[in-house]
Amino acid sequence: MPQQAPILCTVTNDLTYDQRMQRICNSLVDAGYCVQLIGRKKKHSAALRNEKFAQVRLPCFFEKGFGFYAEYNVRLFWYLLTHRAAAFYAVDLDTILPCLWISKLKRKPRLYDAHELFTEQKEICTRKWLQQFWLQIEKYAVPQYPHGYTVNTFIQQELNRRYGVSYGIVRNLPLLKTIDANIPPPTNTLPVILYQGAVNEGRCFESLIPAMEHVDAQLIICGEGNFFNQTQQLIAQYNLSNKVTLKGYVAPAALRLLTPTAFCGVTLFESTGLNQYYSLANRFFDYMMAGIPQICVNYPEYAAINHHLPVALLIDDTSVAAIAAALNKLLHDSVLYKTIQQNTLIAREQLNWQAESVQLIAYWQRILPNQ
């Protein structure tokens, strides 16, 4: 009996740290699908962890910029062309073209996962020529994807307004797991403020780093991105190497152990670009799942969740003074802190991947009903 053809899922990042796609692929496998996740291989990529689904990393000469995207898309095109597939699953705009063309050539279904409003990221929308380039790709490709989903109502409605597509919503919720009360805290004397996620433009590091001058705590930053070098420079500029630690990439398993030991988390975005203003970041839910309060920007998607059950202290601006004031309020107002902490323990029972994955599987059953 021939082996079942897989759903080929395509991303441009290193698979080791992509918790979102790990959750999605594992759920699809549990539902009976054969799945292969395809990403990039960096020069210093860590070894892949064994998963239920197959994993492939494509090596590239270029590490960033236009050269990387062009090279990766060519390599991805040839990989998809030469491998069997039941369906093609493009994650974000930067892998949408190879999946479109090969799915047409092979007459297989395709799905677009609009993980974010790609053309409205700060690093893109502040460079008009670059934004126009990606908008042309979006305008060409998205209408040709009848199947798709995204992470919140705003992106769903915006893609419908732009291109007439009717996509579902599958939020980036973490797995519900028991919080281990026996995990030892980090070995330091100061409370730990945690940032986890991409260290990219638009994440307010220009305000967060100097705010730590006024906060009696330690900031640990887990992640890398296009603002990593500038963040290092900010730490040196403000002489905060004793209070701010850049850990770089941290494996998901290690991060899940670290997060519950933190005092609080931070979810900060500049309002530049619709993608930031209407974001619904993974870290917002990761802090909630770990049972820790957080400070978070008072933007629509976060405010809507916080309105039902406050799991964060929302701030109206991302200035140095506002961030420092919010962090100090959590540090010194024990009643507020304990109230938010208790709310996270309630919310995590409702906002988790076990419940959300039902939407994912229902959507795929409409695309591949015979799996």
Protein backbone atom coordinates (compact mmCIF):
# COMPACT_ATOMS: atom_id res chain seq x y z
CA MET A 1 0.00 0.00 0.00
CA PRO A 2 1.58 3.37 -1.03
CA GLN A 3 2.44 5.80 1.72
CA GLN A 4 -0.03 8.60 2.24
CA ALA A 5 1.02 11.86 0.58
CA PRO A 6 1.70 14.62 3.12
CA ILE A 7 0.43 18.12 3.61
CA LEU A 8 3.53 20.20 2.81
CA CYS A 9 3.73 23.13 5.25
CA THR A 10 6.14 25.92 4.32
CA VAL A 11 7.80 28.56 6.53
CA THR A 12 10.95 30.70 6.19
CA ASN A 13 12.17 30.34 9.77
CA ASP A 14 14.24 27.72 11.57
CA LEU A 15 11.92 24.90 12.67
CA THR A 16 13.55 24.31 16.07
CA TYR A 17 11.92 27.36 17.68
CA ASP A 18 8.59 27.50 15.84
CA GLN A 19 6.20 26.49 18.62
CA ARG A 20 3.16 27.56 16.64
CA MET A 21 3.83 25.27 13.69
CA GLN A 22 4.86 22.45 16.01
CA ARG A 23 1.43 22.66 17.66
CA ILE A 24 -0.40 22.82 14.32
CA CYS A 25 1.53 19.95 12.73
CA ASN A 26 1.17 17.70 15.78
CA SER A 27 -2.60 18.31 15.85
CA LEU A 28 -2.91 17.48 12.15
CA VAL A 29 -0.98 14.24 12.66
CA ASP A 30 -3.18 13.34 15.64
CA ALA A 31 -6.20 13.85 13.35
CA GLY A 32 -4.83 11.31 10.88
CA TYR A 33 -3.00 13.51 8.38
CA CYS A 34 0.51 12.95 7.08
CA VAL A 35 2.46 16.20 7.51
CA GLN A 36 5.85 17.56 6.51
CA LEU A 37 7.11 20.93 7.77
CA ILE A 38 9.64 22.70 5.54
CA GLY A 39 11.81 25.57 6.80
CA ARG A 40 15.29 27.06 6.51
CA LYS A 41 18.62 25.77 7.70
CA LYS A 42 20.96 28.38 9.16
CA LYS A 43 24.72 28.00 9.54
CA HIS A 44 24.37 27.41 13.28
CA SER A 45 20.98 25.70 13.41
CA ALA A 46 20.49 23.37 16.36
CA ALA A 47 19.67 19.73 15.73
CA LEU A 48 16.02 19.08 15.03
CA ARG A 49 13.99 17.46 17.77
CA ASN A 50 12.12 14.26 16.92
CA GLU A 51 8.48 15.02 16.15
CA LYS A 52 5.41 13.11 14.99
CA PHE A 53 5.65 14.92 11.64
CA ALA A 54 8.47 14.96 9.09
CA GLN A 55 10.80 17.97 9.01
CA VAL A 56 13.02 19.33 6.24
CA ARG A 57 15.34 22.35 6.35
CA LEU A 58 16.57 23.93 3.13
CA PRO A 59 20.09 25.40 3.26
CA CYS A 60 20.62 28.89 1.85
CA PHE A 61 23.75 30.88 1.01
CA PHE A 62 22.06 34.16 1.97
CA GLU A 63 20.99 34.60 5.61
CA LYS A 64 18.77 37.71 5.36
CA GLY A 65 17.37 40.40 3.13
CA PHE A 66 16.06 40.18 -0.43
CA GLY A 67 18.78 37.71 -1.39
CA PHE A 68 17.55 35.23 1.21
CA TYR A 69 13.88 35.48 0.21
CA ALA A 70 14.69 35.10 -3.49
CA GLU A 71 17.02 32.14 -2.94
CA TYR A 72 14.72 30.40 -0.47
CA ASN A 73 11.70 30.70 -2.74
CA VAL A 74 13.63 29.18 -5.66
CA ARG A 75 14.84 26.30 -3.48
CA LEU A 76 11.33 25.82 -2.08
CA PHE A 77 9.80 25.82 -5.57
CA TRP A 78 12.05 22.97 -6.71
CA TYR A 79 11.53 21.03 -3.50
CA LEU A 80 7.73 21.23 -3.82
CA LEU A 81 7.94 20.36 -7.51
CA THR A 82 9.88 17.15 -6.84
CA HIS A 83 7.92 15.81 -3.86
CA ARG A 84 4.46 14.29 -3.46
CA ALA A 85 1.80 16.28 -1.64
CA ALA A 86 -1.84 15.93 -0.66
CA ALA A 87 -2.04 19.72 -0.20
CA PHE A 88 0.16 22.80 0.04
CA TYR A 89 0.10 24.96 3.17
CA ALA A 90 1.76 28.40 2.83
CA VAL A 91 2.50 30.15 6.12
CA ASP A 92 2.74 33.94 5.62
CA LEU A 93 3.32 35.85 2.42
CA ASP A 94 6.99 34.93 2.06
CA THR A 95 6.23 31.33 0.97
CA ILE A 96 2.93 31.95 -0.83
CA LEU A 97 4.17 31.91 -4.44
CA PRO A 98 5.85 28.47 -4.64
CA CYS A 99 2.82 26.86 -2.99
CA LEU A 100 0.49 28.65 -5.41
CA TRP A 101 2.34 27.70 -8.57
CA ILE A 102 3.09 24.08 -7.65
CA SER A 103 -0.43 23.45 -6.34
CA LYS A 104 -1.80 24.64 -9.68
CA LEU A 105 0.69 22.53 -11.60
CA LYS A 106 -0.11 19.41 -9.57
CA ARG A 107 -3.81 20.25 -9.18
CA LYS A 108 -3.76 19.90 -5.43
CA PRO A 109 -5.57 22.05 -2.82
CA ARG A 110 -3.72 24.92 -1.17
CA LEU A 111 -4.23 26.90 2.04
CA TYR A 112 -2.90 30.29 3.11
CA ASP A 113 -2.12 30.80 6.79
CA ALA A 114 -2.08 34.57 7.34
CA HIS A 115 -0.17 34.37 10.60
CA GLU A 116 0.06 38.19 10.50
CA LEU A 117 -0.78 41.07 8.18
CA PHE A 118 2.61 40.73 6.51
CA THR A 119 2.54 43.97 4.51
CA GLU A 120 1.80 46.03 7.65
CA GLN A 121 4.82 45.02 9.73
CA LYS A 122 6.86 48.05 10.81
CA GLU A 123 10.02 46.90 9.04
CA ILE A 124 7.99 46.69 5.81
CA CYS A 125 5.42 49.50 5.98
CA THR A 126 8.10 52.09 6.87
CA ARG A 127 9.94 51.24 3.63
CA LYS A 128 7.44 52.18 0.93
CA TRP A 129 9.22 50.47 -1.97
CA LEU A 130 9.41 47.24 0.04
CA GLN A 131 5.79 47.48 1.08
CA GLN A 132 4.71 47.98 -2.55
CA PHE A 133 6.71 44.90 -3.57
CA TRP A 134 4.97 42.69 -1.00
CA LEU A 135 1.57 44.28 -1.67
CA GLN A 136 1.85 43.27 -5.32
CA ILE A 137 2.57 39.69 -4.29
CA GLU A 138 -0.35 39.78 -1.83
CA LYS A 139 -2.68 41.25 -4.45
CA TYR A 140 -1.68 38.60 -6.99
CA ALA A 141 -1.61 35.53 -4.75
CA VAL A 142 -4.14 35.84 -1.91
CA PRO A 143 -7.27 35.94 -4.15
CA GLN A 144 -6.08 32.64 -5.63
CA TYR A 145 -6.21 30.96 -2.20
CA PRO A 146 -9.88 30.09 -1.55
CA HIS A 147 -8.91 28.31 1.66
CA GLY A 148 -7.20 30.06 4.56
CA TYR A 149 -7.29 31.17 8.15
CA THR A 150 -5.72 33.83 10.30
CA VAL A 151 -5.22 34.64 13.96
CA ASN A 152 -7.77 37.37 14.73
CA THR A 153 -10.91 39.11 13.53
CA PHE A 154 -9.17 42.23 12.23
CA ILE A 155 -6.86 40.39 9.79
CA GLN A 156 -9.81 38.20 8.73
CA GLN A 157 -11.89 41.29 7.91
CA GLU A 158 -9.01 43.18 6.31
CA LEU A 159 -8.20 40.37 3.89
CA ASN A 160 -11.89 40.09 3.06
CA ARG A 161 -12.04 43.85 2.38
CA ARG A 162 -8.93 43.79 0.20
CA TYR A 163 -9.46 40.57 -1.74
CA GLY A 164 -12.93 39.18 -1.01
CA VAL A 165 -11.60 36.01 0.65
CA SER A 166 -13.52 34.46 3.56
CA TYR A 167 -10.98 32.96 5.94
CA GLY A 168 -11.43 31.25 9.29
CA ILE A 169 -9.76 32.09 12.59
CA VAL A 170 -7.35 29.80 14.44
CA ARG A 171 -5.69 31.67 17.29
CA ASN A 172 -2.13 31.11 18.49
CA LEU A 173 -3.02 29.54 21.81
CA PRO A 174 -0.55 27.44 23.81
CA LEU A 175 -1.09 23.92 25.02
CA LEU A 176 -2.73 23.59 28.41
CA LYS A 177 -0.17 21.99 30.70
CA THR A 178 0.17 21.69 34.44
CA ILE A 179 2.32 24.43 35.95
CA ASP A 180 5.18 22.81 37.84
CA ALA A 181 5.33 24.54 41.22
CA ASN A 182 8.68 22.89 41.99
CA ILE A 183 10.67 24.63 39.23
CA PRO A 184 13.44 26.61 40.94
CA PRO A 185 13.51 30.35 40.12
CA PRO A 186 16.45 31.86 38.18
CA THR A 187 19.55 32.27 40.30
CA ASN A 188 19.44 36.00 41.00
CA THR A 189 18.20 38.25 43.76
CA LEU A 190 16.01 40.53 41.63
CA PRO A 191 12.53 39.70 40.27
CA VAL A 192 12.63 38.61 36.62
CA ILE A 193 10.74 40.47 33.91
CA LEU A 194 10.55 38.28 30.81
CA TYR A 195 10.34 39.12 27.13
CA GLN A 196 9.97 36.15 24.80
CA GLY A 197 9.58 36.28 21.04
CA ALA A 198 11.21 37.91 18.04
CA VAL A 199 13.65 40.71 18.83
CA ASN A 200 12.38 42.78 15.90
CA GLU A 201 11.71 46.36 14.97
CA GLY A 202 8.53 47.76 16.46
CA ARG A 203 8.73 45.78 19.74
CA CYS A 204 9.55 48.88 21.83
CA PHE A 205 13.06 47.93 22.92
CA GLU A 206 14.03 51.61 22.51
CA SER A 207 11.71 52.32 25.46
CA LEU A 208 11.85 49.06 27.39
CA ILE A 209 15.63 49.02 27.83
CA PRO A 210 15.97 52.56 29.29
CA ALA A 211 12.84 51.95 31.42
CA MET A 212 14.85 49.34 33.31
CA GLU A 213 16.94 52.17 34.79
CA HIS A 214 13.89 52.97 36.93
CA VAL A 215 12.81 49.41 37.81
CA ASP A 216 14.34 47.30 40.57
CA ALA A 217 14.24 44.05 38.61
CA GLN A 218 16.08 42.07 35.97
CA LEU A 219 14.94 41.87 32.34
CA ILE A 220 15.58 38.62 30.45
CA ILE A 221 15.07 38.70 26.68
CA CYS A 222 14.62 35.34 24.93
CA GLY A 223 14.74 35.46 21.16
CA GLU A 224 16.53 36.90 18.16
CA GLY A 225 15.54 39.02 15.19
CA ASN A 226 16.30 42.02 13.03
CA PHE A 227 16.68 44.38 16.04
CA PHE A 228 19.01 42.13 18.05
CA ASN A 229 22.22 44.10 17.40
CA GLN A 230 20.48 47.41 18.16
CA THR A 231 19.18 45.92 21.42
CA GLN A 232 22.73 45.00 22.40
CA GLN A 233 23.77 48.57 21.67
CA LEU A 234 20.94 49.97 23.80
CA ILE A 235 22.00 47.81 26.75
CA ALA A 236 25.55 49.13 26.43
CA GLN A 237 24.39 52.72 25.89
CA TYR A 238 22.41 52.74 29.14
CA ASN A 239 25.01 50.69 31.02
CA LEU A 240 22.44 48.03 31.91
CA SER A 241 24.38 44.82 31.33
CA ASN A 242 23.91 44.01 35.03
CA LYS A 243 20.09 44.23 34.71
CA VAL A 244 19.31 43.14 31.13
CA THR A 245 20.24 39.72 29.75
CA LEU A 246 19.99 38.75 26.07
CA LYS A 247 19.69 34.98 25.90
CA GLY A 248 19.15 34.67 22.14
CA TYR A 249 17.13 31.72 20.93
CA VAL A 250 15.86 29.47 23.71
CA ALA A 251 14.47 26.03 22.89
CA PRO A 252 10.69 25.77 23.48
CA ALA A 253 11.08 23.12 26.20
CA ALA A 254 13.55 25.30 28.12
CA LEU A 255 11.36 28.37 27.66
CA ARG A 256 8.35 26.57 29.09
CA LEU A 257 10.40 25.90 32.23
CA LEU A 258 11.67 29.47 32.47
CA THR A 259 8.43 31.41 31.93
CA PRO A 260 6.54 30.31 35.08
CA THR A 261 9.50 31.38 37.22
CA ALA A 262 9.35 34.99 36.00
CA PHE A 263 7.63 37.72 38.01
CA CYS A 264 5.87 39.08 34.93
CA GLY A 265 6.07 39.28 31.14
CA VAL A 266 5.95 42.11 28.63
CA THR A 267 3.95 42.32 25.38
CA LEU A 268 4.83 45.60 23.68
CA PHE A 269 4.35 46.86 20.13
CA GLU A 270 4.61 50.28 18.57
CA SER A 271 1.40 51.42 16.89
CA THR A 272 3.24 51.94 13.58
CA GLY A 273 1.56 49.71 11.01
CA LEU A 274 -1.75 47.90 11.25
CA ASN A 275 0.02 44.61 12.00
CA GLN A 276 1.35 45.94 15.30
CA TYR A 277 -1.81 47.79 16.33
CA TYR A 278 -4.07 44.80 15.66
CA SER A 279 -1.61 42.13 16.78
CA LEU A 280 -2.43 39.17 18.98
CA ALA A 281 1.02 37.87 19.88
CA ASN A 282 1.84 34.33 20.97
CA ARG A 283 3.63 35.66 24.04
CA PHE A 284 0.43 37.26 25.37
CA PHE A 285 -1.06 33.78 25.74
CA ASP A 286 2.23 32.13 26.75
CA TYR A 287 2.50 34.36 29.85
CA MET A 288 -1.15 33.65 30.68
CA MET A 289 -0.60 29.91 30.28
CA ALA A 290 2.41 30.10 32.61
CA GLY A 291 0.28 31.82 35.27
CA ILE A 292 2.21 35.11 35.34
CA PRO A 293 0.85 38.67 34.94
CA GLN A 294 2.16 40.93 32.20
CA ILE A 295 2.14 44.50 31.02
CA CYS A 296 0.63 44.81 27.56
CA VAL A 297 -0.26 47.52 25.06
CA ASN A 298 -3.90 48.63 25.19
CA TYR A 299 -4.63 47.71 21.57
CA PRO A 300 -8.00 46.33 20.37
CA GLU A 301 -7.36 42.57 20.32
CA TYR A 302 -5.70 42.52 23.75
CA ALA A 303 -8.27 44.88 25.24
CA ALA A 304 -11.11 42.64 24.02
CA ILE A 305 -9.68 39.63 25.87
CA ASN A 306 -8.73 41.64 28.94
CA HIS A 307 -12.23 43.11 29.15
CA HIS A 308 -13.69 39.68 29.94
CA LEU A 309 -11.00 38.67 32.41
CA PRO A 310 -8.00 40.92 33.13
CA VAL A 311 -4.85 38.86 32.65
CA ALA A 312 -2.62 41.89 31.96
CA LEU A 313 -2.00 45.45 33.07
CA LEU A 314 -2.72 47.44 29.90
CA ILE A 315 -0.81 50.63 29.07
CA ASP A 316 -1.95 53.39 26.72
CA ASP A 317 1.48 54.41 25.45
CA THR A 318 4.91 52.84 25.17
CA SER A 319 7.06 55.67 26.49
CA VAL A 320 9.91 55.00 28.90
CA ALA A 321 7.90 56.58 31.74
CA ALA A 322 4.74 54.56 31.01
CA ILE A 323 6.56 51.22 30.83
CA ALA A 324 8.54 51.91 34.00
CA ALA A 325 5.40 53.02 35.86
CA ALA A 326 3.49 49.88 34.85
CA LEU A 327 6.30 47.53 35.84
CA ASN A 328 6.68 49.27 39.20
CA LYS A 329 2.93 49.08 39.78
CA LEU A 330 3.02 45.30 39.39
CA LEU A 331 6.10 45.10 41.60
CA HIS A 332 4.63 47.18 44.43
CA ASP A 333 0.85 46.59 44.28
CA SER A 334 0.55 43.07 45.66
CA VAL A 335 -3.28 43.09 45.56
CA LEU A 336 -3.35 43.97 41.85
CA TYR A 337 -0.63 41.44 41.10
CA LYS A 338 -2.40 38.57 42.89
CA THR A 339 -5.73 39.44 41.22
CA ILE A 340 -4.21 39.31 37.74
CA GLN A 341 -2.30 36.15 38.63
CA GLN A 342 -5.49 34.39 39.72
CA ASN A 343 -7.23 35.52 36.52
CA THR A 344 -4.53 33.88 34.40
CA LEU A 345 -5.23 30.55 36.10
CA ILE A 346 -8.91 30.85 35.18
CA ALA A 347 -8.32 32.09 31.62
CA ARG A 348 -5.83 29.36 30.75
CA GLU A 349 -8.55 26.75 31.24
CA GLN A 350 -10.55 28.37 28.42
CA LEU A 351 -7.93 29.87 26.08
CA ASN A 352 -5.76 26.88 25.17
CA TRP A 353 -4.70 24.89 22.13
CA GLN A 354 -6.67 21.79 23.08
CA ALA A 355 -9.88 23.79 22.57
CA GLU A 356 -8.65 25.90 19.63
CA SER A 357 -7.30 22.97 17.60
CA VAL A 358 -10.90 21.80 17.07
CA GLN A 359 -11.28 24.76 14.68
CA LEU A 360 -8.08 23.79 12.87
CA ILE A 361 -9.12 20.19 12.26
CA ALA A 362 -12.65 21.17 11.19
CA TYR A 363 -11.18 23.51 8.60
CA TRP A 364 -8.84 20.88 7.17
CA GLN A 365 -11.63 18.32 7.05
CA ARG A 366 -13.38 20.61 4.58
CA ILE A 367 -10.25 20.72 2.41
CA LEU A 368 -9.18 17.06 2.68
CA PRO A 369 -12.31 15.25 3.88
CA ASN A 370 -11.08 11.74 3.02
CA GLN A 371 -7.99 11.77 5.23
